[in-house]
Amino acid sequence: MKPFKMAVLALCMSPLATVSLPVSEVHAAKTIERACVKSERKAASKPLCGCIQDVADMMLSRSDQKTAAKFFDDPHRAQEIRQSNNSSHEKFWLRYKEFGQTAATFCRG
């Protein structure tokens, strides 16, 4: 197992990582996973989408996750945000890009 994966797994399995959320928050917290599964992309699977959601939970705010989840239905929106001159879009894109790189590394089979 790669050192990064081991570090993330150790963090996820630590007692501090155990959080009890109300059922409604748990459901709402799976925004990216649901969009990923619903996208019907060839590579999309429950385990892969769940892994991507786990990385999103560690790296993105709930608001960022909602924005990112929309890209599954509207990939052009991602391009619009990436090319936007809006400073909040630019900041989001930096966070999203880092998230994407981390998810690609962590969730690779």
PDB file of N, CA and C in Angstrom:
ATOM      1  N   MET A   1       0.843  -1.178   0.000  1.00  0.00           N
ATOM      2  CA  MET A   1       0.000   0.000   0.000  1.00  0.00           C
ATOM      3  C   MET A   1       0.885   1.237   0.000  1.00  0.00           C
ATOM      4  N   LYS A   2       0.508   2.240  -0.776  1.00  0.00           N
ATOM      5  CA  LYS A   2       1.295   3.460  -0.880  1.00  0.00           C
ATOM      6  C   LYS A   2       1.254   4.225   0.439  1.00  0.00           C
ATOM      7  N   PRO A   3       2.338   4.957   0.775  1.00  0.00           N
ATOM      8  CA  PRO A   3       2.399   5.694   2.036  1.00  0.00           C
ATOM      9  C   PRO A   3       1.249   6.674   2.205  1.00  0.00           C
ATOM     10  N   PHE A   4       0.852   7.365   1.117  1.00  0.00           N
ATOM     11  CA  PHE A   4      -0.242   8.323   1.228  1.00  0.00           C
ATOM     12  C   PHE A   4      -1.534   7.628   1.614  1.00  0.00           C
ATOM     13  N   LYS A   5      -1.824   6.496   0.956  1.00  0.00           N
ATOM     14  CA  LYS A   5      -3.042   5.756   1.271  1.00  0.00           C
ATOM     15  C   LYS A   5      -3.021   5.289   2.723  1.00  0.00           C
ATOM     16  N   MET A   6      -1.858   4.831   3.163  1.00  0.00           N
ATOM     17  CA  MET A   6      -1.753   4.365   4.551  1.00  0.00           C
ATOM     18  C   MET A   6      -2.005   5.514   5.514  1.00  0.00           C
ATOM     19  N   ALA A   7      -1.486   6.702   5.215  1.00  0.00           N
ATOM     20  CA  ALA A   7      -1.681   7.856   6.092  1.00  0.00           C
ATOM     21  C   ALA A   7      -3.148   8.259   6.142  1.00  0.00           C
ATOM     22  N   VAL A   8      -3.805   8.265   4.990  1.00  0.00           N
ATOM     23  CA  VAL A   8      -5.216   8.638   4.949  1.00  0.00           C
ATOM     24  C   VAL A   8      -6.061   7.594   5.676  1.00  0.00           C
ATOM     25  N   LEU A   9      -5.752   6.321   5.451  1.00  0.00           N
ATOM     26  CA  LEU A   9      -6.491   5.269   6.152  1.00  0.00           C
ATOM     27  C   LEU A   9      -6.299   5.364   7.654  1.00  0.00           C
ATOM     28  N   ALA A  10      -5.074   5.642   8.080  1.00  0.00           N
ATOM     29  CA  ALA A  10      -4.807   5.789   9.512  1.00  0.00           C
ATOM     30  C   ALA A  10      -5.610   6.944  10.081  1.00  0.00           C
ATOM     31  N   LEU A  11      -5.671   8.051   9.346  1.00  0.00           N
ATOM     32  CA  LEU A  11      -6.442   9.197   9.795  1.00  0.00           C
ATOM     33  C   LEU A  11      -7.927   8.847   9.884  1.00  0.00           C
ATOM     34  N   CYS A  12      -8.426   8.168   8.867  1.00  0.00           N
ATOM     35  CA  CYS A  12      -9.849   7.808   8.841  1.00  0.00           C
ATOM     36  C   CYS A  12     -10.216   6.823   9.948  1.00  0.00           C
ATOM     37  N   MET A  13      -9.278   5.996  10.330  1.00  0.00           N
ATOM     38  CA  MET A  13      -9.572   4.973  11.325  1.00  0.00           C
ATOM     39  C   MET A  13      -9.259   5.425  12.751  1.00  0.00           C
ATOM     40  N   SER A  14      -8.719   6.633  12.883  1.00  0.00           N
ATOM     41  CA  SER A  14      -8.383   7.111  14.220  1.00  0.00           C
ATOM     42  C   SER A  14      -9.659   7.404  15.002  1.00  0.00           C
ATOM     43  N   PRO A  15      -9.607   7.325  16.338  1.00  0.00           N
ATOM     44  CA  PRO A  15     -10.792   7.609  17.149  1.00  0.00           C
ATOM     45  C   PRO A  15     -11.313   9.023  16.934  1.00  0.00           C
ATOM     46  N   LEU A  16     -10.440   9.960  16.610  1.00  0.00           N
ATOM     47  CA  LEU A  16     -10.879  11.329  16.385  1.00  0.00           C
ATOM     48  C   LEU A  16     -11.707  11.461  15.118  1.00  0.00           C
ATOM     49  N   ALA A  17     -11.549  10.540  14.190  1.00  0.00           N
ATOM     50  CA  ALA A  17     -12.279  10.606  12.924  1.00  0.00           C
ATOM     51  C   ALA A  17     -13.704  10.090  13.050  1.00  0.00           C
ATOM     52  N   THR A  18     -14.030   9.478  14.146  1.00  0.00           N
ATOM     53  CA  THR A  18     -15.363   8.940  14.344  1.00  0.00           C
ATOM     54  C   THR A  18     -16.312  10.065  14.742  1.00  0.00           C
ATOM     55  N   VAL A  19     -17.268  10.335  13.873  1.00  0.00           N
ATOM     56  CA  VAL A  19     -18.222  11.401  14.103  1.00  0.00           C
ATOM     57  C   VAL A  19     -19.605  10.828  13.895  1.00  0.00           C
ATOM     58  N   SER A  20     -20.501  11.151  14.778  1.00  0.00           N
ATOM     59  CA  SER A  20     -21.869  10.691  14.645  1.00  0.00           C
ATOM     60  C   SER A  20     -22.705  11.822  14.071  1.00  0.00           C
ATOM     61  N   LEU A  21     -23.297  11.588  12.909  1.00  0.00           N
ATOM     62  CA  LEU A  21     -24.114  12.596  12.256  1.00  0.00           C
ATOM     63  C   LEU A  21     -25.564  12.122  12.197  1.00  0.00           C
ATOM     64  N   PRO A  22     -26.503  13.052  12.288  1.00  0.00           N
ATOM     65  CA  PRO A  22     -27.902  12.673  12.084  1.00  0.00           C
ATOM     66  C   PRO A  22     -28.073  12.100  10.679  1.00  0.00           C
ATOM     67  N   VAL A  23     -29.055  11.232  10.510  1.00  0.00           N
ATOM     68  CA  VAL A  23     -29.273  10.562   9.229  1.00  0.00           C
ATOM     69  C   VAL A  23     -29.427  11.569   8.095  1.00  0.00           C
ATOM     70  N   SER A  24     -30.132  12.666   8.304  1.00  0.00           N
ATOM     71  CA  SER A  24     -30.319  13.649   7.239  1.00  0.00           C
ATOM     72  C   SER A  24     -28.995  14.253   6.802  1.00  0.00           C
ATOM     73  N   GLU A  25     -28.055  14.480   7.730  1.00  0.00           N
ATOM     74  CA  GLU A  25     -26.750  15.038   7.382  1.00  0.00           C
ATOM     75  C   GLU A  25     -25.902  14.006   6.652  1.00  0.00           C
ATOM     76  N   VAL A  26     -25.998  12.753   7.038  1.00  0.00           N
ATOM     77  CA  VAL A  26     -25.242  11.703   6.356  1.00  0.00           C
ATOM     78  C   VAL A  26     -25.700  11.621   4.911  1.00  0.00           C
ATOM     79  N   HIS A  27     -27.016  11.654   4.686  1.00  0.00           N
ATOM     80  CA  HIS A  27     -27.550  11.595   3.324  1.00  0.00           C
ATOM     81  C   HIS A  27     -27.099  12.809   2.530  1.00  0.00           C
ATOM     82  N   ALA A  28     -27.179  13.992   3.132  1.00  0.00           N
ATOM     83  CA  ALA A  28     -26.788  15.217   2.443  1.00  0.00           C
ATOM     84  C   ALA A  28     -25.294  15.237   2.168  1.00  0.00           C
ATOM     85  N   ALA A  29     -24.533  14.568   3.009  1.00  0.00           N
ATOM     86  CA  ALA A  29     -23.085  14.588   2.877  1.00  0.00           C
ATOM     87  C   ALA A  29     -22.591  13.705   1.728  1.00  0.00           C
ATOM     88  N   LYS A  30     -23.456  12.979   1.074  1.00  0.00           N
ATOM     89  CA  LYS A  30     -23.042  12.092  -0.019  1.00  0.00           C
ATOM     90  C   LYS A  30     -23.376  12.688  -1.387  1.00  0.00           C
ATOM     91  N   THR A  31     -23.291  13.990  -1.493  1.00  0.00           N
ATOM     92  CA  THR A  31     -23.671  14.699  -2.710  1.00  0.00           C
ATOM     93  C   THR A  31     -22.879  14.230  -3.924  1.00  0.00           C
ATOM     94  N   ILE A  32     -21.571  14.158  -3.792  1.00  0.00           N
ATOM     95  CA  ILE A  32     -20.720  13.766  -4.926  1.00  0.00           C
ATOM     96  C   ILE A  32     -20.908  12.287  -5.249  1.00  0.00           C
ATOM     97  N   GLU A  33     -20.995  11.463  -4.223  1.00  0.00           N
ATOM     98  CA  GLU A  33     -21.193  10.024  -4.462  1.00  0.00           C
ATOM     99  C   GLU A  33     -22.472   9.775  -5.247  1.00  0.00           C
ATOM    100  N   ARG A  34     -23.557  10.418  -4.845  1.00  0.00           N
ATOM    101  CA  ARG A  34     -24.834  10.218  -5.548  1.00  0.00           C
ATOM    102  C   ARG A  34     -24.764  10.703  -6.993  1.00  0.00           C
ATOM    103  N   ALA A  35     -24.136  11.859  -7.207  1.00  0.00           N
ATOM    104  CA  ALA A  35     -24.003  12.390  -8.573  1.00  0.00           C
ATOM    105  C   ALA A  35     -23.126  11.472  -9.422  1.00  0.00           C
ATOM    106  N   CYS A  36     -22.085  10.945  -8.833  1.00  0.00           N
ATOM    107  CA  CYS A  36     -21.163  10.039  -9.526  1.00  0.00           C
ATOM    108  C   CYS A  36     -21.886   8.763  -9.972  1.00  0.00           C
ATOM    109  N   VAL A  37     -22.595   8.133  -9.069  1.00  0.00           N
ATOM    110  CA  VAL A  37     -23.315   6.894  -9.387  1.00  0.00           C
ATOM    111  C   VAL A  37     -24.400   7.163 -10.432  1.00  0.00           C
ATOM    112  N   LYS A  38     -25.104   8.271 -10.256  1.00  0.00           N
ATOM    113  CA  LYS A  38     -26.200   8.623 -11.153  1.00  0.00           C
ATOM    114  C   LYS A  38     -25.710   8.974 -12.558  1.00  0.00           C
ATOM    115  N   SER A  39     -24.458   9.356 -12.668  1.00  0.00           N
ATOM    116  CA  SER A  39     -23.918   9.810 -13.958  1.00  0.00           C
ATOM    117  C   SER A  39     -23.865   8.706 -15.002  1.00  0.00           C
ATOM    118  N   GLU A  40     -23.890   7.452 -14.571  1.00  0.00           N
ATOM    119  CA  GLU A  40     -23.864   6.301 -15.463  1.00  0.00           C
ATOM    120  C   GLU A  40     -22.634   6.281 -16.367  1.00  0.00           C
ATOM    121  N   ARG A  41     -21.552   6.874 -15.893  1.00  0.00           N
ATOM    122  CA  ARG A  41     -20.285   6.771 -16.635  1.00  0.00           C
ATOM    123  C   ARG A  41     -19.795   5.341 -16.532  1.00  0.00           C
ATOM    124  N   LYS A  42     -19.080   4.896 -17.548  1.00  0.00           N
ATOM    125  CA  LYS A  42     -18.636   3.511 -17.620  1.00  0.00           C
ATOM    126  C   LYS A  42     -17.791   3.114 -16.402  1.00  0.00           C
ATOM    127  N   ALA A  43     -16.916   3.994 -15.948  1.00  0.00           N
ATOM    128  CA  ALA A  43     -16.022   3.675 -14.831  1.00  0.00           C
ATOM    129  C   ALA A  43     -16.679   3.862 -13.471  1.00  0.00           C
ATOM    130  N   ALA A  44     -17.854   4.493 -13.432  1.00  0.00           N
ATOM    131  CA  ALA A  44     -18.510   4.773 -12.152  1.00  0.00           C
ATOM    132  C   ALA A  44     -18.996   3.484 -11.500  1.00  0.00           C
ATOM    133  N   SER A  45     -18.605   3.299 -10.259  1.00  0.00           N
ATOM    134  CA  SER A  45     -19.076   2.161  -9.470  1.00  0.00           C
ATOM    135  C   SER A  45     -19.304   2.667  -8.053  1.00  0.00           C
ATOM    136  N   LYS A  46     -20.097   1.943  -7.301  1.00  0.00           N
ATOM    137  CA  LYS A  46     -20.351   2.346  -5.909  1.00  0.00           C
ATOM    138  C   LYS A  46     -19.043   2.499  -5.127  1.00  0.00           C
ATOM    139  N   PRO A  47     -18.122   1.518  -5.205  1.00  0.00           N
ATOM    140  CA  PRO A  47     -16.876   1.667  -4.441  1.00  0.00           C
ATOM    141  C   PRO A  47     -16.035   2.875  -4.890  1.00  0.00           C
ATOM    142  N   LEU A  48     -15.923   3.082  -6.194  1.00  0.00           N
ATOM    143  CA  LEU A  48     -15.140   4.216  -6.679  1.00  0.00           C
ATOM    144  C   LEU A  48     -15.798   5.532  -6.288  1.00  0.00           C
ATOM    145  N   CYS A  49     -17.094   5.643  -6.492  1.00  0.00           N
ATOM    146  CA  CYS A  49     -17.811   6.872  -6.142  1.00  0.00           C
ATOM    147  C   CYS A  49     -17.766   7.129  -4.638  1.00  0.00           C
ATOM    148  N   GLY A  50     -17.831   6.062  -3.850  1.00  0.00           N
ATOM    149  CA  GLY A  50     -17.716   6.199  -2.398  1.00  0.00           C
ATOM    150  C   GLY A  50     -16.339   6.687  -1.992  1.00  0.00           C
ATOM    151  N   CYS A  51     -15.311   6.193  -2.660  1.00  0.00           N
ATOM    152  CA  CYS A  51     -13.947   6.634  -2.379  1.00  0.00           C
ATOM    153  C   CYS A  51     -13.794   8.113  -2.713  1.00  0.00           C
ATOM    154  N   ILE A  52     -14.316   8.518  -3.849  1.00  0.00           N
ATOM    155  CA  ILE A  52     -14.248   9.929  -4.244  1.00  0.00           C
ATOM    156  C   ILE A  52     -14.964  10.786  -3.214  1.00  0.00           C
ATOM    157  N   GLN A  53     -16.104  10.302  -2.715  1.00  0.00           N
ATOM    158  CA  GLN A  53     -16.841  11.036  -1.686  1.00  0.00           C
ATOM    159  C   GLN A  53     -16.020  11.144  -0.405  1.00  0.00           C
ATOM    160  N   ASP A  54     -15.329  10.075  -0.034  1.00  0.00           N
ATOM    161  CA  ASP A  54     -14.486  10.111   1.171  1.00  0.00           C
ATOM    162  C   ASP A  54     -13.415  11.190   1.057  1.00  0.00           C
ATOM    163  N   VAL A  55     -12.803  11.299  -0.102  1.00  0.00           N
ATOM    164  CA  VAL A  55     -11.776  12.333  -0.316  1.00  0.00           C
ATOM    165  C   VAL A  55     -12.434  13.711  -0.280  1.00  0.00           C
ATOM    166  N   ALA A  56     -13.595  13.837  -0.893  1.00  0.00           N
ATOM    167  CA  ALA A  56     -14.312  15.119  -0.879  1.00  0.00           C
ATOM    168  C   ALA A  56     -14.639  15.540   0.548  1.00  0.00           C
ATOM    169  N   ASP A  57     -15.053  14.582   1.374  1.00  0.00           N
ATOM    170  CA  ASP A  57     -15.378  14.901   2.768  1.00  0.00           C
ATOM    171  C   ASP A  57     -14.164  15.426   3.525  1.00  0.00           C
ATOM    172  N   MET A  58     -12.982  14.966   3.132  1.00  0.00           N
ATOM    173  CA  MET A  58     -11.763  15.418   3.800  1.00  0.00           C
ATOM    174  C   MET A  58     -11.268  16.761   3.262  1.00  0.00           C
ATOM    175  N   MET A  59     -11.604  17.084   2.008  1.00  0.00           N
ATOM    176  CA  MET A  59     -10.946  18.222   1.368  1.00  0.00           C
ATOM    177  C   MET A  59     -11.863  19.377   0.970  1.00  0.00           C
ATOM    178  N   LEU A  60     -13.145  19.111   0.790  1.00  0.00           N
ATOM    179  CA  LEU A  60     -14.045  20.146   0.279  1.00  0.00           C
ATOM    180  C   LEU A  60     -15.146  20.463   1.277  1.00  0.00           C
ATOM    181  N   SER A  61     -15.534  21.721   1.319  1.00  0.00           N
ATOM    182  CA  SER A  61     -16.679  22.114   2.144  1.00  0.00           C
ATOM    183  C   SER A  61     -17.946  21.535   1.517  1.00  0.00           C
ATOM    184  N   ARG A  62     -19.019  21.570   2.257  1.00  0.00           N
ATOM    185  CA  ARG A  62     -20.293  21.084   1.718  1.00  0.00           C
ATOM    186  C   ARG A  62     -20.705  21.907   0.495  1.00  0.00           C
ATOM    187  N   SER A  63     -20.466  23.204   0.556  1.00  0.00           N
ATOM    188  CA  SER A  63     -20.784  24.085  -0.568  1.00  0.00           C
ATOM    189  C   SER A  63     -19.956  23.709  -1.802  1.00  0.00           C
ATOM    190  N   ASP A  64     -18.659  23.474  -1.601  1.00  0.00           N
ATOM    191  CA  ASP A  64     -17.803  23.048  -2.714  1.00  0.00           C
ATOM    192  C   ASP A  64     -18.280  21.716  -3.281  1.00  0.00           C
ATOM    193  N   GLN A  65     -18.715  20.818  -2.409  1.00  0.00           N
ATOM    194  CA  GLN A  65     -19.197  19.510  -2.874  1.00  0.00           C
ATOM    195  C   GLN A  65     -20.449  19.664  -3.726  1.00  0.00           C
ATOM    196  N   LYS A  66     -21.328  20.553  -3.333  1.00  0.00           N
ATOM    197  CA  LYS A  66     -22.545  20.776  -4.122  1.00  0.00           C
ATOM    198  C   LYS A  66     -22.197  21.320  -5.503  1.00  0.00           C
ATOM    199  N   THR A  67     -21.246  22.238  -5.547  1.00  0.00           N
ATOM    200  CA  THR A  67     -20.815  22.792  -6.828  1.00  0.00           C
ATOM    201  C   THR A  67     -20.185  21.703  -7.689  1.00  0.00           C
ATOM    202  N   ALA A  68     -19.286  20.927  -7.096  1.00  0.00           N
ATOM    203  CA  ALA A  68     -18.588  19.869  -7.830  1.00  0.00           C
ATOM    204  C   ALA A  68     -19.553  18.797  -8.325  1.00  0.00           C
ATOM    205  N   ALA A  69     -20.550  18.464  -7.539  1.00  0.00           N
ATOM    206  CA  ALA A  69     -21.515  17.427  -7.927  1.00  0.00           C
ATOM    207  C   ALA A  69     -22.278  17.823  -9.188  1.00  0.00           C
ATOM    208  N   LYS A  70     -22.473  19.108  -9.382  1.00  0.00           N
ATOM    209  CA  LYS A  70     -23.191  19.581 -10.575  1.00  0.00           C
ATOM    210  C   LYS A  70     -22.414  19.310 -11.854  1.00  0.00           C
ATOM    211  N   PHE A  71     -21.091  19.156 -11.739  1.00  0.00           N
ATOM    212  CA  PHE A  71     -20.264  18.903 -12.920  1.00  0.00           C
ATOM    213  C   PHE A  71     -20.585  17.555 -13.561  1.00  0.00           C
ATOM    214  N   PHE A  72     -21.124  16.604 -12.789  1.00  0.00           N
ATOM    215  CA  PHE A  72     -21.462  15.291 -13.355  1.00  0.00           C
ATOM    216  C   PHE A  72     -22.589  15.419 -14.378  1.00  0.00           C
ATOM    217  N   ASP A  73     -23.547  16.325 -14.114  1.00  0.00           N
ATOM    218  CA  ASP A  73     -24.655  16.547 -15.044  1.00  0.00           C
ATOM    219  C   ASP A  73     -24.309  17.571 -16.114  1.00  0.00           C
ATOM    220  N   ASP A  74     -23.426  18.511 -15.761  1.00  0.00           N
ATOM    221  CA  ASP A  74     -23.121  19.617 -16.660  1.00  0.00           C
ATOM    222  C   ASP A  74     -21.612  19.872 -16.687  1.00  0.00           C
ATOM    223  N   PRO A  75     -20.855  19.031 -17.416  1.00  0.00           N
ATOM    224  CA  PRO A  75     -19.402  19.195 -17.462  1.00  0.00           C
ATOM    225  C   PRO A  75     -18.969  20.566 -17.984  1.00  0.00           C
ATOM    226  N   HIS A  76     -19.785  21.172 -18.819  1.00  0.00           N
ATOM    227  CA  HIS A  76     -19.453  22.496 -19.341  1.00  0.00           C
ATOM    228  C   HIS A  76     -19.386  23.534 -18.221  1.00  0.00           C
ATOM    229  N   ARG A  77     -20.175  23.330 -17.173  1.00  0.00           N
ATOM    230  CA  ARG A  77     -20.157  24.255 -16.027  1.00  0.00           C
ATOM    231  C   ARG A  77     -18.772  24.272 -15.379  1.00  0.00           C
ATOM    232  N   ALA A  78     -18.120  23.129 -15.330  1.00  0.00           N
ATOM    233  CA  ALA A  78     -16.763  23.071 -14.787  1.00  0.00           C
ATOM    234  C   ALA A  78     -15.833  23.945 -15.612  1.00  0.00           C
ATOM    235  N   GLN A  79     -15.962  23.881 -16.922  1.00  0.00           N
ATOM    236  CA  GLN A  79     -15.144  24.703 -17.808  1.00  0.00           C
ATOM    237  C   GLN A  79     -15.422  26.186 -17.583  1.00  0.00           C
ATOM    238  N   GLU A  80     -16.675  26.542 -17.416  1.00  0.00           N
ATOM    239  CA  GLU A  80     -17.034  27.947 -17.171  1.00  0.00           C
ATOM    240  C   GLU A  80     -16.404  28.458 -15.879  1.00  0.00           C
ATOM    241  N   ILE A  81     -16.472  27.664 -14.842  1.00  0.00           N
ATOM    242  CA  ILE A  81     -15.894  28.074 -13.556  1.00  0.00           C
ATOM    243  C   ILE A  81     -14.372  28.145 -13.664  1.00  0.00           C
ATOM    244  N   ARG A  82     -13.773  27.186 -14.332  1.00  0.00           N
ATOM    245  CA  ARG A  82     -12.320  27.173 -14.476  1.00  0.00           C
ATOM    246  C   ARG A  82     -11.820  28.421 -15.200  1.00  0.00           C
ATOM    247  N   GLN A  83     -12.569  28.871 -16.188  1.00  0.00           N
ATOM    248  CA  GLN A  83     -12.147  30.016 -16.990  1.00  0.00           C
ATOM    249  C   GLN A  83     -12.667  31.355 -16.469  1.00  0.00           C
ATOM    250  N   SER A  84     -13.447  31.329 -15.409  1.00  0.00           N
ATOM    251  CA  SER A  84     -14.050  32.546 -14.868  1.00  0.00           C
ATOM    252  C   SER A  84     -12.994  33.481 -14.272  1.00  0.00           C
ATOM    253  N   ASN A  85     -13.275  34.771 -14.351  1.00  0.00           N
ATOM    254  CA  ASN A  85     -12.421  35.775 -13.720  1.00  0.00           C
ATOM    255  C   ASN A  85     -12.892  36.104 -12.307  1.00  0.00           C
ATOM    256  N   ASN A  86     -13.960  35.472 -11.872  1.00  0.00           N
ATOM    257  CA  ASN A  86     -14.500  35.669 -10.532  1.00  0.00           C
ATOM    258  C   ASN A  86     -13.524  35.074  -9.512  1.00  0.00           C
ATOM    259  N   SER A  87     -13.126  35.848  -8.520  1.00  0.00           N
ATOM    260  CA  SER A  87     -12.113  35.377  -7.561  1.00  0.00           C
ATOM    261  C   SER A  87     -12.595  34.173  -6.749  1.00  0.00           C
ATOM    262  N   SER A  88     -13.879  34.121  -6.433  1.00  0.00           N
ATOM    263  CA  SER A  88     -14.364  32.953  -5.676  1.00  0.00           C
ATOM    264  C   SER A  88     -14.330  31.700  -6.545  1.00  0.00           C
ATOM    265  N   HIS A  89     -14.587  31.844  -7.842  1.00  0.00           N
ATOM    266  CA  HIS A  89     -14.477  30.705  -8.759  1.00  0.00           C
ATOM    267  C   HIS A  89     -13.024  30.255  -8.876  1.00  0.00           C
ATOM    268  N   GLU A  90     -12.102  31.213  -8.936  1.00  0.00           N
ATOM    269  CA  GLU A  90     -10.680  30.876  -9.028  1.00  0.00           C
ATOM    270  C   GLU A  90     -10.214  30.112  -7.793  1.00  0.00           C
ATOM    271  N   LYS A  91     -10.640  30.561  -6.616  1.00  0.00           N
ATOM    272  CA  LYS A  91     -10.270  29.884  -5.367  1.00  0.00           C
ATOM    273  C   LYS A  91     -10.883  28.489  -5.306  1.00  0.00           C
ATOM    274  N   PHE A  92     -12.174  28.402  -5.707  1.00  0.00           N
ATOM    275  CA  PHE A  92     -12.819  27.090  -5.745  1.00  0.00           C
ATOM    276  C   PHE A  92     -12.043  26.162  -6.667  1.00  0.00           C
ATOM    277  N   TRP A  93     -11.645  26.653  -7.846  1.00  0.00           N
ATOM    278  CA  TRP A  93     -10.991  25.789  -8.824  1.00  0.00           C
ATOM    279  C   TRP A  93      -9.676  25.239  -8.287  1.00  0.00           C
ATOM    280  N   LEU A  94      -8.945  26.047  -7.539  1.00  0.00           N
ATOM    281  CA  LEU A  94      -7.696  25.558  -6.937  1.00  0.00           C
ATOM    282  C   LEU A  94      -7.982  24.428  -5.949  1.00  0.00           C
ATOM    283  N   ARG A  95      -9.018  24.607  -5.125  1.00  0.00           N
ATOM    284  CA  ARG A  95      -9.394  23.545  -4.178  1.00  0.00           C
ATOM    285  C   ARG A  95      -9.873  22.303  -4.912  1.00  0.00           C
ATOM    286  N   TYR A  96     -10.683  22.503  -5.946  1.00  0.00           N
ATOM    287  CA  TYR A  96     -11.241  21.394  -6.715  1.00  0.00           C
ATOM    288  C   TYR A  96     -10.136  20.622  -7.438  1.00  0.00           C
ATOM    289  N   LYS A  97      -9.187  21.343  -7.993  1.00  0.00           N
ATOM    290  CA  LYS A  97      -8.078  20.711  -8.705  1.00  0.00           C
ATOM    291  C   LYS A  97      -7.249  19.850  -7.749  1.00  0.00           C
ATOM    292  N   GLU A  98      -6.980  20.365  -6.562  1.00  0.00           N
ATOM    293  CA  GLU A  98      -6.231  19.591  -5.560  1.00  0.00           C
ATOM    294  C   GLU A  98      -7.033  18.356  -5.139  1.00  0.00           C
ATOM    295  N   PHE A  99      -8.335  18.533  -4.946  1.00  0.00           N
ATOM    296  CA  PHE A  99      -9.213  17.410  -4.615  1.00  0.00           C
ATOM    297  C   PHE A  99      -9.159  16.347  -5.711  1.00  0.00           C
ATOM    298  N   GLY A 100      -9.259  16.771  -6.969  1.00  0.00           N
ATOM    299  CA  GLY A 100      -9.239  15.828  -8.087  1.00  0.00           C
ATOM    300  C   GLY A 100      -7.947  15.035  -8.148  1.00  0.00           C
ATOM    301  N   GLN A 101      -6.836  15.711  -7.925  1.00  0.00           N
ATOM    302  CA  GLN A 101      -5.544  15.025  -7.942  1.00  0.00           C
ATOM    303  C   GLN A 101      -5.445  14.025  -6.788  1.00  0.00           C
ATOM    304  N   THR A 102      -5.932  14.422  -5.622  1.00  0.00           N
ATOM    305  CA  THR A 102      -5.890  13.529  -4.464  1.00  0.00           C
ATOM    306  C   THR A 102      -6.806  12.334  -4.666  1.00  0.00           C
ATOM    307  N   ALA A 103      -8.011  12.577  -5.175  1.00  0.00           N
ATOM    308  CA  ALA A 103      -8.948  11.468  -5.415  1.00  0.00           C
ATOM    309  C   ALA A 103      -8.386  10.503  -6.456  1.00  0.00           C
ATOM    310  N   ALA A 104      -7.744  11.037  -7.485  1.00  0.00           N
ATOM    311  CA  ALA A 104      -7.156  10.163  -8.513  1.00  0.00           C
ATOM    312  C   ALA A 104      -6.076   9.270  -7.908  1.00  0.00           C
ATOM    313  N   THR A 105      -5.290   9.830  -7.004  1.00  0.00           N
ATOM    314  CA  THR A 105      -4.219   9.050  -6.370  1.00  0.00           C
ATOM    315  C   THR A 105      -4.800   8.048  -5.365  1.00  0.00           C
ATOM    316  N   PHE A 106      -5.680   8.509  -4.525  1.00  0.00           N
ATOM    317  CA  PHE A 106      -6.206   7.704  -3.429  1.00  0.00           C
ATOM    318  C   PHE A 106      -7.171   6.626  -3.912  1.00  0.00           C
ATOM    319  N   CYS A 107      -7.959   6.912  -4.937  1.00  0.00           N
ATOM    320  CA  CYS A 107      -9.015   5.989  -5.357  1.00  0.00           C
ATOM    321  C   CYS A 107      -8.616   5.115  -6.527  1.00  0.00           C
ATOM    322  N   ARG A 108      -7.415   5.232  -6.965  1.00  0.00           N
ATOM    323  CA  ARG A 108      -6.921   4.394  -8.064  1.00  0.00           C
ATOM    324  C   ARG A 108      -6.930   2.941  -7.619  1.00  0.00           C
ATOM    325  N   GLY A 109      -7.408   2.074  -8.475  1.00  0.00           N
ATOM    326  CA  GLY A 109      -7.534   0.663  -8.130  1.00  0.00           C
ATOM    327  C   GLY A 109      -6.308  -0.143  -8.119  1.00  0.00           C
TER     328      GLY A 109
END
